[in-house]
N, C-alpha and C. Protein backbone atom coordinates (compact mmCIF):
# COMPACT_ATOMS: atom_id res chain seq x y z
N MET A 1 105.15 83.02 120.37
CA MET A 1 106.43 82.55 120.08
C MET A 1 107.48 83.73 119.47
N THR A 2 108.74 83.74 120.09
CA THR A 2 109.65 84.59 119.68
C THR A 2 110.98 84.32 118.92
N LEU A 3 110.99 84.52 117.83
CA LEU A 3 112.51 83.87 117.01
C LEU A 3 113.60 85.22 117.67
N PRO A 4 114.82 84.63 117.97
CA PRO A 4 115.64 85.33 117.94
C PRO A 4 116.30 86.09 117.12
N GLU A 5 117.06 86.82 117.64
CA GLU A 5 118.01 88.06 116.83
C GLU A 5 118.81 86.95 115.95
N GLY A 6 119.01 86.98 114.84
CA GLY A 6 120.18 86.33 114.22
C GLY A 6 119.48 85.54 113.07
N PHE A 7 118.32 85.17 113.54
CA PHE A 7 117.08 84.66 112.73
C PHE A 7 116.70 85.04 111.66
N THR A 8 116.99 84.70 110.01
CA THR A 8 117.07 85.39 108.70
C THR A 8 115.63 84.78 107.85
N THR A 9 115.47 83.33 108.32
CA THR A 9 114.69 82.58 107.24
C THR A 9 113.27 81.98 107.29
N LEU A 10 112.32 82.04 107.12
CA LEU A 10 111.40 81.50 107.31
C LEU A 10 110.70 80.33 106.17
N LYS A 11 110.51 79.15 106.19
CA LYS A 11 109.87 78.70 104.81
C LYS A 11 108.86 78.46 105.00
N GLY A 12 107.93 78.30 103.58
CA GLY A 12 106.80 78.00 103.46
C GLY A 12 106.25 76.75 104.51
N GLY A 13 105.18 77.72 104.90
CA GLY A 13 104.26 76.52 105.45
C GLY A 13 104.57 76.54 107.41
N ALA A 14 105.78 77.34 107.36
CA ALA A 14 106.09 77.52 108.73
C ALA A 14 105.41 77.32 109.97
N PHE A 15 104.28 78.34 109.91
CA PHE A 15 103.26 78.38 110.81
C PHE A 15 102.14 77.92 110.17
N ARG A 16 101.95 77.12 109.57
CA ARG A 16 100.63 76.96 108.70
C ARG A 16 99.66 76.32 109.92
N ASN A 17 98.48 76.61 110.28
CA ASN A 17 97.57 75.91 111.38
C ASN A 17 98.11 75.77 112.59
N ALA A 18 99.17 76.69 113.05
CA ALA A 18 99.81 76.57 114.32
C ALA A 18 98.69 77.46 115.26
N PRO A 19 98.54 77.33 116.36
CA PRO A 19 97.78 77.90 117.03
C PRO A 19 98.37 79.11 118.21
N LEU A 20 98.94 79.76 117.30
CA LEU A 20 99.81 81.03 117.61
C LEU A 20 98.99 81.96 118.14
N LYS A 21 99.22 82.77 119.41
CA LYS A 21 98.30 83.97 119.73
C LYS A 21 99.58 85.32 119.61
N LYS A 22 101.00 85.20 119.66
CA LYS A 22 101.97 86.39 119.28
C LYS A 22 103.08 85.47 118.64
N LEU A 23 103.50 86.54 117.57
CA LEU A 23 104.81 86.30 116.96
C LEU A 23 105.37 87.26 116.66
N ASP A 24 106.90 87.17 117.13
CA ASP A 24 107.49 87.93 117.48
C ASP A 24 109.04 88.05 116.39
N LEU A 25 108.72 88.60 115.43
CA LEU A 25 109.72 88.23 114.22
C LEU A 25 111.27 89.37 114.25
N PRO A 26 112.46 88.90 114.58
CA PRO A 26 113.36 89.77 114.79
C PRO A 26 114.00 90.96 113.82
N SER A 27 114.61 91.80 113.93
CA SER A 27 115.14 92.90 113.11
C SER A 27 115.97 91.94 112.30
N THR A 28 116.40 90.88 112.11
CA THR A 28 117.44 90.20 111.48
C THR A 28 116.69 89.22 110.28
N ILE A 29 115.12 89.13 110.33
CA ILE A 29 114.65 88.21 109.41
C ILE A 29 114.60 89.17 108.02
N GLY A 30 114.68 88.33 107.31
CA GLY A 30 114.94 88.55 105.81
C GLY A 30 113.41 88.74 104.97
N ASP A 31 113.11 89.14 103.48
CA ASP A 31 112.18 89.08 103.16
C ASP A 31 111.33 87.94 102.97
N LEU A 32 110.17 88.03 103.48
CA LEU A 32 109.14 86.42 103.51
C LEU A 32 108.81 86.00 102.27
N ASN A 33 109.81 84.99 101.71
CA ASN A 33 109.43 84.54 100.74
C ASN A 33 109.37 83.14 100.77
N THR A 34 107.84 82.37 100.51
CA THR A 34 107.94 81.17 100.94
C THR A 34 108.61 80.29 99.88
N GLY A 35 108.83 80.51 98.76
CA GLY A 35 109.48 79.54 98.21
C GLY A 35 108.92 78.23 97.46
N SER A 36 107.35 78.30 98.23
CA SER A 36 106.60 77.31 97.77
C SER A 36 105.45 77.32 97.52
N HIS A 37 104.41 76.92 97.21
CA HIS A 37 103.00 77.18 97.10
C HIS A 37 102.50 76.60 98.20
N VAL A 38 102.79 77.61 99.64
CA VAL A 38 102.37 76.84 100.77
C VAL A 38 102.36 78.14 101.39
N LYS A 39 101.04 78.47 102.20
CA LYS A 39 100.73 79.80 102.83
C LYS A 39 101.90 79.88 104.28
N LEU A 40 102.67 80.60 104.39
CA LEU A 40 103.27 81.26 105.71
C LEU A 40 102.62 81.08 107.00
N PHE A 41 101.74 81.58 106.92
CA PHE A 41 100.65 81.60 108.34
C PHE A 41 99.53 81.34 107.70
N ASN A 42 98.39 80.53 108.85
CA ASN A 42 97.07 80.35 108.48
C ASN A 42 96.79 80.85 109.93
N GLY A 43 96.68 82.06 110.48
CA GLY A 43 96.61 82.80 111.51
C GLY A 43 95.22 83.30 111.91
N ALA A 44 94.34 82.55 112.30
CA ALA A 44 92.87 83.40 113.02
C ALA A 44 93.28 83.13 114.29
N ASP A 45 94.30 82.80 114.82
CA ASP A 45 94.20 82.85 116.34
C ASP A 45 95.32 83.73 116.73
N LEU A 46 95.91 84.23 115.58
CA LEU A 46 97.25 85.40 115.82
C LEU A 46 96.24 86.57 116.68
N GLU A 47 96.88 87.21 117.89
CA GLU A 47 96.25 88.49 118.23
C GLU A 47 97.41 89.37 117.86
N THR A 48 98.80 89.12 118.09
CA THR A 48 99.69 90.40 117.93
C THR A 48 101.26 89.61 116.87
N VAL A 49 101.11 90.35 115.93
CA VAL A 49 102.76 90.11 115.39
C VAL A 49 103.59 91.19 115.40
N ILE A 50 104.86 90.81 116.01
CA ILE A 50 105.59 92.06 116.30
C ILE A 50 106.71 91.55 115.28
N CYS A 51 107.08 93.06 114.67
CA CYS A 51 107.91 92.79 113.38
C CYS A 51 109.55 93.70 113.76
N ARG A 52 110.33 93.59 114.35
CA ARG A 52 111.13 94.28 114.92
C ARG A 52 112.39 94.95 113.67
N LYS A 53 112.14 94.75 112.41
CA LYS A 53 112.87 95.19 111.24
C LYS A 53 112.65 96.71 111.07
N ASN A 54 113.25 97.39 111.12
CA ASN A 54 112.90 99.02 110.75
C ASN A 54 112.60 98.92 109.20
N THR A 55 113.07 98.17 108.26
CA THR A 55 112.50 98.59 106.68
C THR A 55 111.39 97.30 106.64
N PRO A 56 110.24 97.23 106.00
CA PRO A 56 109.25 96.09 106.37
C PRO A 56 109.88 95.52 105.26
N PRO A 57 109.94 93.67 105.98
CA PRO A 57 110.46 92.76 104.69
C PRO A 57 109.33 92.50 103.44
N ALA A 58 110.09 92.45 102.53
CA ALA A 58 109.10 92.29 101.19
C ALA A 58 108.35 90.95 101.42
N LEU A 59 106.92 91.04 101.24
CA LEU A 59 106.28 90.00 101.21
C LEU A 59 106.16 89.48 99.76
N SER A 60 107.06 88.56 99.21
CA SER A 60 106.99 88.31 98.28
C SER A 60 105.82 87.16 97.80
N GLN A 61 105.04 87.52 96.70
CA GLN A 61 104.13 86.62 96.72
C GLN A 61 104.13 85.59 95.49
N LEU A 62 103.66 84.71 95.38
CA LEU A 62 103.93 83.26 94.56
C LEU A 62 102.64 83.02 93.99
N TYR A 63 102.41 83.07 92.86
CA TYR A 63 101.22 82.57 91.84
C TYR A 63 101.34 81.57 91.06
N SER A 64 100.31 80.63 90.84
CA SER A 64 100.27 79.59 90.33
C SER A 64 98.77 79.52 89.45
N PRO A 65 98.63 79.06 88.49
CA PRO A 65 97.32 78.69 87.58
C PRO A 65 96.41 78.13 88.81
N PHE A 66 97.24 77.39 89.72
CA PHE A 66 96.21 76.52 90.89
C PHE A 66 95.66 77.21 92.00
N CYS A 67 96.81 78.44 92.69
CA CYS A 67 96.44 79.28 93.88
C CYS A 67 96.87 80.60 94.01
N ASP A 68 96.57 81.09 94.57
CA ASP A 68 97.09 82.51 94.75
C ASP A 68 97.62 82.38 96.21
N VAL A 69 98.92 82.25 96.67
CA VAL A 69 99.49 82.27 97.77
C VAL A 69 99.36 83.25 98.50
N GLU A 70 99.20 83.40 99.95
CA GLU A 70 98.94 84.86 100.61
C GLU A 70 99.72 84.48 101.80
N HIS A 71 100.69 85.70 102.37
CA HIS A 71 101.57 85.03 103.89
C HIS A 71 100.24 84.83 104.91
N PHE A 72 99.78 85.93 104.97
CA PHE A 72 98.57 85.97 106.60
C PHE A 72 97.46 85.66 105.88
N THR A 73 97.13 84.57 105.77
CA THR A 73 95.91 84.28 105.32
C THR A 73 94.91 84.10 106.45
N PHE A 74 93.90 84.66 106.55
CA PHE A 74 93.12 84.01 107.42
C PHE A 74 93.47 85.09 109.06
N VAL A 75 94.01 85.93 109.07
CA VAL A 75 94.57 86.65 110.16
C VAL A 75 92.97 87.32 110.42
N ASN A 76 92.91 87.23 112.00
CA ASN A 76 92.20 87.85 112.36
C ASN A 76 91.96 89.75 112.31
N GLU A 77 91.20 89.91 111.92
CA GLU A 77 91.09 91.32 111.19
C GLU A 77 91.26 92.65 112.42
N ASN A 78 91.18 92.03 113.87
CA ASN A 78 91.50 92.48 114.97
C ASN A 78 93.14 92.70 115.07
N CYS A 79 93.92 91.51 114.36
CA CYS A 79 95.35 91.42 114.71
C CYS A 79 95.79 92.41 114.98
N ILE A 80 97.06 92.97 115.63
CA ILE A 80 97.77 93.72 115.98
C ILE A 80 99.49 93.78 115.28
N LEU A 81 99.72 94.42 114.22
CA LEU A 81 101.30 94.50 113.83
C LEU A 81 101.99 95.62 114.67
N LYS A 82 102.91 95.13 115.14
CA LYS A 82 103.72 95.93 116.09
C LYS A 82 105.29 96.11 115.42
N VAL A 83 105.42 97.40 114.91
CA VAL A 83 106.84 97.91 114.18
C VAL A 83 107.56 98.77 115.13
N PRO A 84 108.54 98.94 114.99
CA PRO A 84 109.57 100.07 115.63
C PRO A 84 108.89 101.44 115.28
N ALA A 85 109.00 102.45 116.07
CA ALA A 85 108.07 103.67 116.13
C ALA A 85 108.36 104.49 115.13
N GLU A 86 109.93 104.49 114.52
CA GLU A 86 110.35 105.17 113.43
C GLU A 86 109.57 104.70 112.01
N SER A 87 109.14 103.32 112.48
CA SER A 87 108.76 102.50 110.71
C SER A 87 107.33 102.16 110.85
N VAL A 88 106.54 102.97 111.76
CA VAL A 88 104.80 102.48 111.61
C VAL A 88 104.43 103.15 110.05
N ASN A 89 104.62 104.39 109.48
CA ASN A 89 104.55 104.68 108.06
C ASN A 89 104.91 103.39 107.18
N ALA A 90 106.26 103.23 107.34
CA ALA A 90 106.47 102.44 106.32
C ALA A 90 105.84 101.39 106.15
N TYR A 91 105.69 100.65 107.17
CA TYR A 91 104.63 99.48 107.40
C TYR A 91 103.06 99.84 106.73
N LYS A 92 102.83 101.01 107.33
CA LYS A 92 101.37 101.11 106.59
C LYS A 92 101.23 101.30 105.15
N SER A 93 102.34 101.96 104.41
CA SER A 93 102.67 102.03 103.37
C SER A 93 103.14 100.77 102.41
N SER A 94 103.05 99.87 103.31
CA SER A 94 103.75 98.47 102.46
C SER A 94 102.82 97.72 102.21
N ASP A 95 103.29 96.57 101.82
CA ASP A 95 102.08 95.17 101.43
C ASP A 95 101.48 94.48 102.93
N TRP A 96 102.58 94.91 103.99
CA TRP A 96 101.69 94.41 105.06
C TRP A 96 100.40 95.10 105.72
N ALA A 97 100.26 96.27 105.29
CA ALA A 97 98.79 97.10 105.14
C ALA A 97 97.68 96.27 104.68
N LYS A 98 97.96 95.49 103.99
CA LYS A 98 96.88 94.64 103.06
C LYS A 98 96.32 93.36 103.92
N TYR A 99 97.04 93.17 105.19
CA TYR A 99 96.93 92.13 106.38
C TYR A 99 96.22 92.61 107.61
N PHE A 100 96.88 93.64 107.73
CA PHE A 100 96.93 94.40 108.92
C PHE A 100 96.51 95.65 108.88
N LYS A 101 95.20 95.92 109.79
CA LYS A 101 94.19 96.84 109.82
C LYS A 101 94.80 97.83 111.03
N ASN A 102 95.50 97.34 111.99
CA ASN A 102 96.20 97.80 113.12
C ASN A 102 97.83 97.65 112.97
N ILE A 103 98.19 98.57 112.66
CA ILE A 103 99.58 98.73 112.96
C ILE A 103 100.03 100.18 113.75
N GLU A 104 101.10 99.31 114.65
CA GLU A 104 101.25 100.65 115.91
C GLU A 104 102.95 100.44 116.09
N ALA A 105 103.15 101.57 116.90
CA ALA A 105 104.70 101.10 117.43
C ALA A 105 104.57 100.70 119.06
N ILE A 106 106.02 99.59 118.51
CA ILE A 106 106.08 98.79 119.82
C ILE A 106 106.34 99.56 121.10
N ASN A 107 105.73 99.33 122.18
CA ASN A 107 106.05 99.87 123.54
C ASN A 107 107.51 99.78 124.14
């Protein structure tokens, strides 16, 4: 799934249980804050996530006494995060690295 340039907001549960293999986030995407106690992704099927934003979007996490909300829950450990070449180190130093072991430049 490719989200178009100009797209800025994802709501809680947007892709939960969706059988996505690839997700392409535009450079205009805002910080990922679910705004509810719902996972944004449950991505066991995800193979590739592309984030075209130069600065890693903040992954605001919500906590409640009942659950810890994680954005990329159950992402396949081999899932690749592709980002702008000049931003690879920034993503590796961000919260995104908690979910993606493989962070590389967009070709």
